[in-house]
Amino acid sequence: IGLRRLQAAARRKGSPLRVSINTTVAAESLEA
């Protein structure tokens, strides 16, 4: 929800804001 709010606000204002997601190699999530 927070991400979509950021992107919607950036589109309304024509803002060049870049949003990315960050993840980490970890045993618990590696297969996914």
PDB file of all heavy atoms in Angstrom:
ATOM      1  N   ILE A   1       0.840  -1.205   0.000  1.00  0.00           N
ATOM      2  CA  ILE A   1       0.000   0.000   0.000  1.00  0.00           C
ATOM      3  C   ILE A   1       0.873   1.252   0.000  1.00  0.00           C
ATOM      4  O   ILE A   1       0.629   2.212  -0.742  1.00  0.00           O
ATOM      5  CB  ILE A   1      -0.945  -0.014   1.216  1.00  0.00           C
ATOM      6  CG1 ILE A   1      -1.996  -1.126   1.055  1.00  0.00           C
ATOM      7  CG2 ILE A   1      -1.626   1.342   1.398  1.00  0.00           C
ATOM      8  CD1 ILE A   1      -2.824  -1.379   2.304  1.00  0.00           C
ATOM      9  N   GLY A   2       1.923   1.248   0.831  1.00  0.00           N
ATOM     10  CA  GLY A   2       2.827   2.399   0.881  1.00  0.00           C
ATOM     11  C   GLY A   2       3.522   2.647  -0.440  1.00  0.00           C
ATOM     12  O   GLY A   2       3.652   3.799  -0.891  1.00  0.00           O
ATOM     13  N   LEU A   3       3.966   1.570  -1.086  1.00  0.00           N
ATOM     14  CA  LEU A   3       4.623   1.697  -2.386  1.00  0.00           C
ATOM     15  C   LEU A   3       3.687   2.283  -3.428  1.00  0.00           C
ATOM     16  O   LEU A   3       4.061   3.173  -4.206  1.00  0.00           O
ATOM     17  CB  LEU A   3       5.101   0.324  -2.852  1.00  0.00           C
ATOM     18  CG  LEU A   3       6.547  -0.061  -2.523  1.00  0.00           C
ATOM     19  CD1 LEU A   3       6.783  -1.526  -2.851  1.00  0.00           C
ATOM     20  CD2 LEU A   3       7.511   0.796  -3.301  1.00  0.00           C
ATOM     21  N   ARG A   4       2.462   1.797  -3.449  1.00  0.00           N
ATOM     22  CA  ARG A   4       1.500   2.288  -4.449  1.00  0.00           C
ATOM     23  C   ARG A   4       1.162   3.750  -4.205  1.00  0.00           C
ATOM     24  O   ARG A   4       0.950   4.514  -5.163  1.00  0.00           O
ATOM     25  CB  ARG A   4       0.247   1.412  -4.421  1.00  0.00           C
ATOM     26  CG  ARG A   4       0.526  -0.010  -4.929  1.00  0.00           C
ATOM     27  CD  ARG A   4      -0.724  -0.853  -4.971  1.00  0.00           C
ATOM     28  NE  ARG A   4      -0.424  -2.200  -5.439  1.00  0.00           N
ATOM     29  CZ  ARG A   4      -0.573  -3.309  -4.709  1.00  0.00           C
ATOM     30  NH1 ARG A   4      -1.031  -3.222  -3.464  1.00  0.00           N
ATOM     31  NH2 ARG A   4      -0.273  -4.490  -5.213  1.00  0.00           N
ATOM     32  N   ARG A   5       1.115   4.162  -2.962  1.00  0.00           N
ATOM     33  CA  ARG A   5       0.869   5.580  -2.660  1.00  0.00           C
ATOM     34  C   ARG A   5       2.004   6.449  -3.187  1.00  0.00           C
ATOM     35  O   ARG A   5       1.771   7.521  -3.757  1.00  0.00           O
ATOM     36  CB  ARG A   5       0.716   5.768  -1.150  1.00  0.00           C
ATOM     37  CG  ARG A   5      -0.635   5.317  -0.602  1.00  0.00           C
ATOM     38  CD  ARG A   5      -0.650   5.370   0.906  1.00  0.00           C
ATOM     39  NE  ARG A   5      -1.966   5.025   1.426  1.00  0.00           N
ATOM     40  CZ  ARG A   5      -2.198   4.617   2.676  1.00  0.00           C
ATOM     41  NH1 ARG A   5      -1.172   4.501   3.529  1.00  0.00           N
ATOM     42  NH2 ARG A   5      -3.413   4.322   3.061  1.00  0.00           N
ATOM     43  N   LEU A   6       3.239   5.993  -2.985  1.00  0.00           N
ATOM     44  CA  LEU A   6       4.395   6.738  -3.497  1.00  0.00           C
ATOM     45  C   LEU A   6       4.329   6.881  -5.008  1.00  0.00           C
ATOM     46  O   LEU A   6       4.536   7.972  -5.562  1.00  0.00           O
ATOM     47  CB  LEU A   6       5.689   6.023  -3.109  1.00  0.00           C
ATOM     48  CG  LEU A   6       6.239   6.224  -1.706  1.00  0.00           C
ATOM     49  CD1 LEU A   6       7.409   5.283  -1.465  1.00  0.00           C
ATOM     50  CD2 LEU A   6       6.669   7.674  -1.495  1.00  0.00           C
ATOM     51  N   GLN A   7       4.057   5.788  -5.679  1.00  0.00           N
ATOM     52  CA  GLN A   7       4.042   5.808  -7.137  1.00  0.00           C
ATOM     53  C   GLN A   7       2.894   6.654  -7.679  1.00  0.00           C
ATOM     54  O   GLN A   7       3.060   7.388  -8.660  1.00  0.00           O
ATOM     55  CB  GLN A   7       3.958   4.373  -7.656  1.00  0.00           C
ATOM     56  CG  GLN A   7       5.226   3.589  -7.368  1.00  0.00           C
ATOM     57  CD  GLN A   7       5.036   2.094  -7.522  1.00  0.00           C
ATOM     58  OE1 GLN A   7       4.019   1.543  -7.131  1.00  0.00           O
ATOM     59  NE2 GLN A   7       6.021   1.435  -8.086  1.00  0.00           N
ATOM     60  N   ALA A   8       1.734   6.574  -7.013  1.00  0.00           N
ATOM     61  CA  ALA A   8       0.591   7.375  -7.459  1.00  0.00           C
ATOM     62  C   ALA A   8       0.882   8.865  -7.284  1.00  0.00           C
ATOM     63  O   ALA A   8       0.572   9.682  -8.161  1.00  0.00           O
ATOM     64  CB  ALA A   8      -0.663   6.978  -6.684  1.00  0.00           C
ATOM     65  N   ALA A   9       1.494   9.231  -6.154  1.00  0.00           N
ATOM     66  CA  ALA A   9       1.824  10.636  -5.919  1.00  0.00           C
ATOM     67  C   ALA A   9       2.837  11.135  -6.943  1.00  0.00           C
ATOM     68  O   ALA A   9       2.731  12.259  -7.443  1.00  0.00           O
ATOM     69  CB  ALA A   9       2.361  10.810  -4.496  1.00  0.00           C
ATOM     70  N   ALA A  10       3.824  10.297  -7.245  1.00  0.00           N
ATOM     71  CA  ALA A  10       4.834  10.689  -8.229  1.00  0.00           C
ATOM     72  C   ALA A  10       4.212  10.889  -9.613  1.00  0.00           C
ATOM     73  O   ALA A  10       4.559  11.831 -10.329  1.00  0.00           O
ATOM     74  CB  ALA A  10       5.941   9.635  -8.288  1.00  0.00           C
ATOM     75  N   ARG A  11       3.279  10.034  -9.982  1.00  0.00           N
ATOM     76  CA  ARG A  11       2.622  10.182 -11.292  1.00  0.00           C
ATOM     77  C   ARG A  11       1.786  11.457 -11.346  1.00  0.00           C
ATOM     78  O   ARG A  11       1.808  12.183 -12.352  1.00  0.00           O
ATOM     79  CB  ARG A  11       1.738   8.958 -11.577  1.00  0.00           C
ATOM     80  CG  ARG A  11       2.519   7.716 -11.992  1.00  0.00           C
ATOM     81  CD  ARG A  11       1.589   6.673 -12.567  1.00  0.00           C
ATOM     82  NE  ARG A  11       0.608   6.225 -11.584  1.00  0.00           N
ATOM     83  CZ  ARG A  11       0.785   5.195 -10.767  1.00  0.00           C
ATOM     84  NH1 ARG A  11       1.925   4.525 -10.785  1.00  0.00           N
ATOM     85  NH2 ARG A  11      -0.164   4.837  -9.925  1.00  0.00           N
ATOM     86  N   ARG A  12       1.041  11.737 -10.287  1.00  0.00           N
ATOM     87  CA  ARG A  12       0.200  12.942 -10.276  1.00  0.00           C
ATOM     88  C   ARG A  12       1.022  14.204 -10.443  1.00  0.00           C
ATOM     89  O   ARG A  12       0.593  15.168 -11.072  1.00  0.00           O
ATOM     90  CB  ARG A  12      -0.602  13.008  -8.964  1.00  0.00           C
ATOM     91  CG  ARG A  12      -1.796  12.088  -8.907  1.00  0.00           C
ATOM     92  CD  ARG A  12      -2.722  12.452  -7.761  1.00  0.00           C
ATOM     93  NE  ARG A  12      -2.069  12.346  -6.460  1.00  0.00           N
ATOM     94  CZ  ARG A  12      -2.027  11.239  -5.731  1.00  0.00           C
ATOM     95  NH1 ARG A  12      -2.571  10.109  -6.188  1.00  0.00           N
ATOM     96  NH2 ARG A  12      -1.433  11.222  -4.554  1.00  0.00           N
ATOM     97  N   LYS A  13       2.207  14.212  -9.866  1.00  0.00           N
ATOM     98  CA  LYS A  13       3.034  15.416  -9.869  1.00  0.00           C
ATOM     99  C   LYS A  13       4.079  15.419 -10.981  1.00  0.00           C
ATOM    100  O   LYS A  13       4.871  16.357 -11.095  1.00  0.00           O
ATOM    101  CB  LYS A  13       3.714  15.574  -8.503  1.00  0.00           C
ATOM    102  CG  LYS A  13       2.723  15.801  -7.366  1.00  0.00           C
ATOM    103  CD  LYS A  13       3.417  15.838  -6.016  1.00  0.00           C
ATOM    104  CE  LYS A  13       2.411  16.125  -4.906  1.00  0.00           C
ATOM    105  NZ  LYS A  13       1.895  17.507  -4.966  1.00  0.00           N
ATOM    106  N   GLY A  14       4.112  14.357 -11.776  1.00  0.00           N
ATOM    107  CA  GLY A  14       5.143  14.261 -12.806  1.00  0.00           C
ATOM    108  C   GLY A  14       6.531  14.223 -12.205  1.00  0.00           C
ATOM    109  O   GLY A  14       7.495  14.745 -12.777  1.00  0.00           O
ATOM    110  N   SER A  15       6.650  13.596 -11.054  1.00  0.00           N
ATOM    111  CA  SER A  15       7.897  13.585 -10.297  1.00  0.00           C
ATOM    112  C   SER A  15       8.837  12.485 -10.798  1.00  0.00           C
ATOM    113  O   SER A  15       8.394  11.390 -11.144  1.00  0.00           O
ATOM    114  CB  SER A  15       7.580  13.356  -8.816  1.00  0.00           C
ATOM    115  OG  SER A  15       8.741  13.039  -8.081  1.00  0.00           O
ATOM    116  N   PRO A  16      10.151  12.745 -10.833  1.00  0.00           N
ATOM    117  CA  PRO A  16      11.112  11.729 -11.287  1.00  0.00           C
ATOM    118  C   PRO A  16      11.519  10.743 -10.198  1.00  0.00           C
ATOM    119  O   PRO A  16      12.552  10.088 -10.312  1.00  0.00           O
ATOM    120  CB  PRO A  16      12.310  12.581 -11.729  1.00  0.00           C
ATOM    121  CG  PRO A  16      12.288  13.750 -10.799  1.00  0.00           C
ATOM    122  CD  PRO A  16      10.822  14.041 -10.549  1.00  0.00           C
ATOM    123  N   LEU A  17      10.743  10.639  -9.132  1.00  0.00           N
ATOM    124  CA  LEU A  17      11.093   9.763  -8.015  1.00  0.00           C
ATOM    125  C   LEU A  17      11.240   8.315  -8.480  1.00  0.00           C
ATOM    126  O   LEU A  17      10.355   7.766  -9.131  1.00  0.00           O
ATOM    127  CB  LEU A  17      10.016   9.850  -6.931  1.00  0.00           C
ATOM    128  CG  LEU A  17      10.237   8.978  -5.691  1.00  0.00           C
ATOM    129  CD1 LEU A  17      11.510   9.394  -4.957  1.00  0.00           C
ATOM    130  CD2 LEU A  17       9.024   9.076  -4.757  1.00  0.00           C
ATOM    131  N   ARG A  18      12.371   7.706  -8.129  1.00  0.00           N
ATOM    132  CA  ARG A  18      12.614   6.301  -8.471  1.00  0.00           C
ATOM    133  C   ARG A  18      12.409   5.443  -7.233  1.00  0.00           C
ATOM    134  O   ARG A  18      12.941   5.737  -6.157  1.00  0.00           O
ATOM    135  CB  ARG A  18      14.044   6.123  -8.997  1.00  0.00           C
ATOM    136  CG  ARG A  18      14.363   4.711  -9.471  1.00  0.00           C
ATOM    137  CD  ARG A  18      15.609   4.709 -10.344  1.00  0.00           C
ATOM    138  NE  ARG A  18      16.792   5.093  -9.585  1.00  0.00           N
ATOM    139  CZ  ARG A  18      17.611   4.216  -8.990  1.00  0.00           C
ATOM    140  NH1 ARG A  18      17.355   2.928  -9.050  1.00  0.00           N
ATOM    141  NH2 ARG A  18      18.680   4.641  -8.353  1.00  0.00           N
ATOM    142  N   VAL A  19      11.624   4.383  -7.371  1.00  0.00           N
ATOM    143  CA  VAL A  19      11.341   3.465  -6.273  1.00  0.00           C
ATOM    144  C   VAL A  19      11.805   2.071  -6.672  1.00  0.00           C
ATOM    145  O   VAL A  19      11.475   1.587  -7.753  1.00  0.00           O
ATOM    146  CB  VAL A  19       9.841   3.445  -5.927  1.00  0.00           C
ATOM    147  CG1 VAL A  19       9.581   2.490  -4.760  1.00  0.00           C
ATOM    148  CG2 VAL A  19       9.343   4.850  -5.578  1.00  0.00           C
ATOM    149  N   SER A  20      12.600   1.437  -5.815  1.00  0.00           N
ATOM    150  CA  SER A  20      13.062   0.079  -6.100  1.00  0.00           C
ATOM    151  C   SER A  20      12.831  -0.793  -4.871  1.00  0.00           C
ATOM    152  O   SER A  20      12.616  -0.291  -3.765  1.00  0.00           O
ATOM    153  CB  SER A  20      14.546   0.070  -6.469  1.00  0.00           C
ATOM    154  OG  SER A  20      15.341   0.417  -5.347  1.00  0.00           O
ATOM    155  N   ILE A  21      12.878  -2.098  -5.081  1.00  0.00           N
ATOM    156  CA  ILE A  21      12.822  -3.019  -3.954  1.00  0.00           C
ATOM    157  C   ILE A  21      14.182  -3.670  -3.793  1.00  0.00           C
ATOM    158  O   ILE A  21      14.925  -3.871  -4.752  1.00  0.00           O
ATOM    159  CB  ILE A  21      11.713  -4.079  -4.107  1.00  0.00           C
ATOM    160  CG1 ILE A  21      11.873  -4.883  -5.395  1.00  0.00           C
ATOM    161  CG2 ILE A  21      10.354  -3.425  -4.056  1.00  0.00           C
ATOM    162  CD1 ILE A  21      10.842  -5.995  -5.531  1.00  0.00           C
ATOM    163  N   ASN A  22      14.516  -3.974  -2.551  1.00  0.00           N
ATOM    164  CA  ASN A  22      15.833  -4.493  -2.209  1.00  0.00           C
ATOM    165  C   ASN A  22      15.658  -5.793  -1.431  1.00  0.00           C
ATOM    166  O   ASN A  22      14.831  -5.871  -0.529  1.00  0.00           O
ATOM    167  CB  ASN A  22      16.580  -3.460  -1.362  1.00  0.00           C
ATOM    168  CG  ASN A  22      18.039  -3.833  -1.179  1.00  0.00           C
ATOM    169  OD1 ASN A  22      18.810  -3.816  -2.123  1.00  0.00           O
ATOM    170  ND2 ASN A  22      18.410  -4.176   0.052  1.00  0.00           N
ATOM    171  N   THR A  23      16.435  -6.802  -1.793  1.00  0.00           N
ATOM    172  CA  THR A  23      16.344  -8.080  -1.093  1.00  0.00           C
ATOM    173  C   THR A  23      17.744  -8.622  -0.848  1.00  0.00           C
ATOM    174  O   THR A  23      18.728  -8.083  -1.365  1.00  0.00           O
ATOM    175  CB  THR A  23      15.493  -9.082  -1.895  1.00  0.00           C
ATOM    176  OG1 THR A  23      15.142 -10.182  -1.062  1.00  0.00           O
ATOM    177  CG2 THR A  23      16.226  -9.568  -3.140  1.00  0.00           C
ATOM    178  N   THR A  24      17.823  -9.689  -0.049  1.00  0.00           N
ATOM    179  CA  THR A  24      19.118 -10.213   0.375  1.00  0.00           C
ATOM    180  C   THR A  24      19.163 -11.722   0.207  1.00  0.00           C
ATOM    181  O   THR A  24      18.173 -12.410   0.461  1.00  0.00           O
ATOM    182  CB  THR A  24      19.372  -9.856   1.862  1.00  0.00           C
ATOM    183  OG1 THR A  24      19.352  -8.446   2.011  1.00  0.00           O
ATOM    184  CG2 THR A  24      20.708 -10.391   2.341  1.00  0.00           C
ATOM    185  N   VAL A  25      20.304 -12.234  -0.227  1.00  0.00           N
ATOM    186  CA  VAL A  25      20.514 -13.676  -0.256  1.00  0.00           C
ATOM    187  C   VAL A  25      20.467 -14.185   1.185  1.00  0.00           C
ATOM    188  O   VAL A  25      21.223 -13.720   2.040  1.00  0.00           O
ATOM    189  CB  VAL A  25      21.872 -14.023  -0.898  1.00  0.00           C
ATOM    190  CG1 VAL A  25      22.201 -15.514  -0.684  1.00  0.00           C
ATOM    191  CG2 VAL A  25      21.875 -13.688  -2.381  1.00  0.00           C
ATOM    192  N   ALA A  26      19.577 -15.117   1.462  1.00  0.00           N
ATOM    193  CA  ALA A  26      19.451 -15.676   2.803  1.00  0.00           C
ATOM    194  C   ALA A  26      18.949 -17.109   2.694  1.00  0.00           C
ATOM    195  O   ALA A  26      18.208 -17.454   1.773  1.00  0.00           O
ATOM    196  CB  ALA A  26      18.489 -14.852   3.650  1.00  0.00           C
ATOM    197  N   ALA A  27      19.356 -17.929   3.638  1.00  0.00           N
ATOM    198  CA  ALA A  27      18.992 -19.343   3.589  1.00  0.00           C
ATOM    199  C   ALA A  27      17.485 -19.537   3.569  1.00  0.00           C
ATOM    200  O   ALA A  27      16.957 -20.388   2.853  1.00  0.00           O
ATOM    201  CB  ALA A  27      19.606 -20.072   4.787  1.00  0.00           C
ATOM    202  N   GLU A  28      16.775 -18.716   4.356  1.00  0.00           N
ATOM    203  CA  GLU A  28      15.337 -18.898   4.506  1.00  0.00           C
ATOM    204  C   GLU A  28      14.554 -18.559   3.237  1.00  0.00           C
ATOM    205  O   GLU A  28      13.449 -19.058   3.044  1.00  0.00           O
ATOM    206  CB  GLU A  28      14.815 -18.039   5.664  1.00  0.00           C
ATOM    207  CG  GLU A  28      15.359 -18.414   7.031  1.00  0.00           C
ATOM    208  CD  GLU A  28      16.754 -17.869   7.294  1.00  0.00           C
ATOM    209  OE1 GLU A  28      17.297 -17.156   6.418  1.00  0.00           O
ATOM    210  OE2 GLU A  28      17.302 -18.151   8.373  1.00  0.00           O
ATOM    211  N   SER A  29      15.097 -17.717   2.390  1.00  0.00           N
ATOM    212  CA  SER A  29      14.341 -17.242   1.227  1.00  0.00           C
ATOM    213  C   SER A  29      15.018 -17.536  -0.108  1.00  0.00           C
ATOM    214  O   SER A  29      14.513 -17.143  -1.155  1.00  0.00           O
ATOM    215  CB  SER A  29      14.116 -15.730   1.346  1.00  0.00           C
ATOM    216  OG  SER A  29      15.356 -15.035   1.441  1.00  0.00           O
ATOM    217  N   LEU A  30      16.149 -18.239  -0.075  1.00  0.00           N
ATOM    218  CA  LEU A  30      16.938 -18.395  -1.296  1.00  0.00           C
ATOM    219  C   LEU A  30      16.149 -19.089  -2.411  1.00  0.00           C
ATOM    220  O   LEU A  30      16.207 -18.670  -3.571  1.00  0.00           O
ATOM    221  CB  LEU A  30      18.221 -19.170  -0.990  1.00  0.00           C
ATOM    222  CG  LEU A  30      19.207 -19.321  -2.155  1.00  0.00           C
ATOM    223  CD1 LEU A  30      19.648 -17.957  -2.670  1.00  0.00           C
ATOM    224  CD2 LEU A  30      20.426 -20.140  -1.733  1.00  0.00           C
ATOM    225  N   GLU A  31      15.418 -20.143  -2.086  1.00  0.00           N
ATOM    226  CA  GLU A  31      14.706 -20.894  -3.119  1.00  0.00           C
ATOM    227  C   GLU A  31      13.580 -20.077  -3.754  1.00  0.00           C
ATOM    228  O   GLU A  31      13.092 -20.417  -4.833  1.00  0.00           O
ATOM    229  CB  GLU A  31      14.155 -22.201  -2.543  1.00  0.00           C
ATOM    230  CG  GLU A  31      15.229 -23.202  -2.129  1.00  0.00           C
ATOM    231  CD  GLU A  31      16.180 -23.557  -3.276  1.00  0.00           C
ATOM    232  OE1 GLU A  31      15.680 -23.797  -4.389  1.00  0.00           O
ATOM    233  OE2 GLU A  31      17.406 -23.573  -3.049  1.00  0.00           O
ATOM    234  N   ALA A  32      13.155 -19.015  -3.093  1.00  0.00           N
ATOM    235  CA  ALA A  32      12.094 -18.159  -3.636  1.00  0.00           C
ATOM    236  C   ALA A  32      12.654 -16.884  -4.250  1.00  0.00           C
ATOM    237  O   ALA A  32      11.889 -15.974  -4.593  1.00  0.00           O
ATOM    238  CB  ALA A  32      11.088 -17.806  -2.538  1.00  0.00           C
TER     239      ALA A  32
END
